[in-house]
C-alpha atoms as a PDB file:
ATOM      1  CA  UNK A   1     -39.669  -1.272  -9.442  1.00  0.00           C
ATOM      2  CA  UNK A   2     -39.159  -2.182 -13.077  1.00  0.00           C
ATOM      3  CA  UNK A   3     -42.279  -2.111 -15.215  1.00  0.00           C
ATOM      4  CA  UNK A   4     -41.165  -4.155 -18.235  1.00  0.00           C
ATOM      5  CA  UNK A   5     -40.291  -7.813 -18.068  1.00  0.00           C
ATOM      6  CA  UNK A   6     -36.865  -7.251 -19.596  1.00  0.00           C
ATOM      7  CA  UNK A   7     -36.086  -4.581 -16.948  1.00  0.00           C
ATOM      8  CA  UNK A   8     -37.085  -7.024 -14.200  1.00  0.00           C
ATOM      9  CA  UNK A   9     -34.762  -9.653 -15.654  1.00  0.00           C
ATOM     10  CA  UNK A  10     -31.938  -7.073 -15.868  1.00  0.00           C
ATOM     11  CA  UNK A  11     -32.451  -6.208 -12.208  1.00  0.00           C
ATOM     12  CA  UNK A  12     -32.299  -9.901 -11.210  1.00  0.00           C
ATOM     13  CA  UNK A  13     -29.102 -10.325 -13.181  1.00  0.00           C
ATOM     14  CA  UNK A  14     -27.567  -7.207 -11.674  1.00  0.00           C
ATOM     15  CA  UNK A  15     -28.270  -8.405  -8.131  1.00  0.00           C
ATOM     16  CA  UNK A  16     -26.760 -11.841  -8.935  1.00  0.00           C
ATOM     17  CA  UNK A  17     -23.644 -10.318 -10.511  1.00  0.00           C
ATOM     18  CA  UNK A  18     -23.240  -7.812  -7.659  1.00  0.00           C
ATOM     19  CA  UNK A  19     -23.303 -10.609  -5.090  1.00  0.00           C
ATOM     20  CA  UNK A  20     -20.693 -12.616  -6.990  1.00  0.00           C
ATOM     21  CA  UNK A  21     -18.457  -9.551  -7.358  1.00  0.00           C
ATOM     22  CA  UNK A  22     -18.681  -8.789  -3.677  1.00  0.00           C
ATOM     23  CA  UNK A  23     -17.563 -12.301  -2.792  1.00  0.00           C
ATOM     24  CA  UNK A  24     -14.638 -12.062  -5.180  1.00  0.00           C
ATOM     25  CA  UNK A  25     -13.553  -8.682  -3.764  1.00  0.00           C
ATOM     26  CA  UNK A  26     -13.915  -9.999  -0.214  1.00  0.00           C
ATOM     27  CA  UNK A  27     -11.646 -12.917  -1.113  1.00  0.00           C
ATOM     28  CA  UNK A  28      -9.036 -10.537  -2.428  1.00  0.00           C
ATOM     29  CA  UNK A  29      -9.199  -8.465   0.723  1.00  0.00           C
ATOM     30  CA  UNK A  30      -8.859 -11.578   2.858  1.00  0.00           C
ATOM     31  CA  UNK A  31      -5.781 -12.735   0.915  1.00  0.00           C
ATOM     32  CA  UNK A  32      -4.292  -9.193   1.261  1.00  0.00           C
ATOM     33  CA  UNK A  33      -4.780  -9.266   5.000  1.00  0.00           C
ATOM     34  CA  UNK A  34      -3.049 -12.681   5.227  1.00  0.00           C
ATOM     35  CA  UNK A  35      -0.211 -11.329   3.031  1.00  0.00           C
ATOM     36  CA  UNK A  36       0.262  -8.302   5.301  1.00  0.00           C
ATOM     37  CA  UNK A  37       0.301 -10.505   8.396  1.00  0.00           C
ATOM     38  CA  UNK A  38       2.982 -12.634   6.789  1.00  0.00           C
ATOM     39  CA  UNK A  39       4.864  -9.447   5.907  1.00  0.00           C
ATOM     40  CA  UNK A  40       4.685  -8.257   9.511  1.00  0.00           C
ATOM     41  CA  UNK A  41       5.952 -11.679  10.650  1.00  0.00           C
ATOM     42  CA  UNK A  42       8.687 -11.533   7.961  1.00  0.00           C
ATOM     43  CA  UNK A  43       7.686 -14.995   6.647  1.00  0.00           C
ATOM     44  CA  UNK A  44       9.126 -14.999   3.129  1.00  0.00           C
ATOM     45  CA  UNK A  45       7.855 -18.431   2.123  1.00  0.00           C
ATOM     46  CA  UNK A  46       4.235 -17.712   3.105  1.00  0.00           C
ATOM     47  CA  UNK A  47       4.422 -14.290   1.455  1.00  0.00           C
ATOM     48  CA  UNK A  48       5.548 -15.855  -1.829  1.00  0.00           C
ATOM     49  CA  UNK A  49       2.718 -18.429  -1.720  1.00  0.00           C
ATOM     50  CA  UNK A  50       0.132 -15.800  -0.930  1.00  0.00           C
ATOM     51  CA  UNK A  51       1.472 -13.511  -3.646  1.00  0.00           C
ATOM     52  CA  UNK A  52       1.001 -16.221  -6.265  1.00  0.00           C
ATOM     53  CA  UNK A  53      -2.616 -16.809  -5.101  1.00  0.00           C
ATOM     54  CA  UNK A  54      -3.282 -13.075  -5.071  1.00  0.00           C
ATOM     55  CA  UNK A  55      -1.773 -12.606  -8.514  1.00  0.00           C
ATOM     56  CA  UNK A  56      -3.954 -15.406  -9.926  1.00  0.00           C
ATOM     57  CA  UNK A  57      -7.078 -14.062  -8.273  1.00  0.00           C
ATOM     58  CA  UNK A  58      -6.426 -10.492  -9.416  1.00  0.00           C
ATOM     59  CA  UNK A  59      -5.796 -11.599 -12.993  1.00  0.00           C
ATOM     60  CA  UNK A  60      -9.032 -13.565 -12.993  1.00  0.00           C
ATOM     61  CA  UNK A  61     -10.938 -10.560 -11.693  1.00  0.00           C
ATOM     62  CA  UNK A  62      -9.495  -8.435 -14.457  1.00  0.00           C
ATOM     63  CA  UNK A  63     -10.490 -11.046 -17.075  1.00  0.00           C
ATOM     64  CA  UNK A  64     -14.044 -11.113 -15.739  1.00  0.00           C
ATOM     65  CA  UNK A  65     -14.248  -7.311 -15.733  1.00  0.00           C
ATOM     66  CA  UNK A  66     -14.584  -6.929 -11.947  1.00  0.00           C
ATOM     67  CA  UNK A  67     -11.432  -4.847 -11.581  1.00  0.00           C
ATOM     68  CA  UNK A  68      -9.708  -2.465 -13.986  1.00  0.00           C
ATOM     69  CA  UNK A  69      -6.287  -3.224 -15.480  1.00  0.00           C
ATOM     70  CA  UNK A  70      -4.451  -0.422 -13.674  1.00  0.00           C
ATOM     71  CA  UNK A  71      -5.966  -1.378 -10.303  1.00  0.00           C
ATOM     72  CA  UNK A  72      -4.678  -4.911 -10.707  1.00  0.00           C
ATOM     73  CA  UNK A  73      -1.258  -3.718 -11.875  1.00  0.00           C
ATOM     74  CA  UNK A  74      -0.942  -1.247  -9.014  1.00  0.00           C
ATOM     75  CA  UNK A  75      -1.945  -3.800  -6.432  1.00  0.00           C
ATOM     76  CA  UNK A  76       0.473  -6.423  -7.717  1.00  0.00           C
ATOM     77  CA  UNK A  77       3.249  -3.836  -7.901  1.00  0.00           C
ATOM     78  CA  UNK A  78       2.756  -2.754  -4.293  1.00  0.00           C
ATOM     79  CA  UNK A  79       2.776  -6.377  -3.055  1.00  0.00           C
ATOM     80  CA  UNK A  80       5.912  -7.125  -5.031  1.00  0.00           C
ATOM     81  CA  UNK A  81       7.584  -4.019  -3.552  1.00  0.00           C
ATOM     82  CA  UNK A  82       6.946  -5.419  -0.097  1.00  0.00           C
ATOM     83  CA  UNK A  83       8.478  -8.774  -1.024  1.00  0.00           C
ATOM     84  CA  UNK A  84      11.507  -7.100  -2.567  1.00  0.00           C
ATOM     85  CA  UNK A  85      11.876  -4.730   0.371  1.00  0.00           C
ATOM     86  CA  UNK A  86      11.921  -7.627   2.782  1.00  0.00           C
ATOM     87  CA  UNK A  87      14.599  -9.369   0.682  1.00  0.00           C
ATOM     88  CA  UNK A  88      17.010  -6.480   1.173  1.00  0.00           C
END
């Protein structure tokens, strides 16, 4: 347990930020699962819509410092490869 008042406040803030970050990452995982289901069903229109939502969410998470730049870039690249592979 924190002894100082400032340490107690920092702990409260950390818990709050952690909870918010978990929700954001869970949302990304949910969107990825929907994207992969659309990929399995070969539904190009739904994949394109989900890709745009994922791209926006990933970029926001990078801006807020939840995810690193290369993680976001790698994820977007892999999703785009799936879209392009289905187009061929």
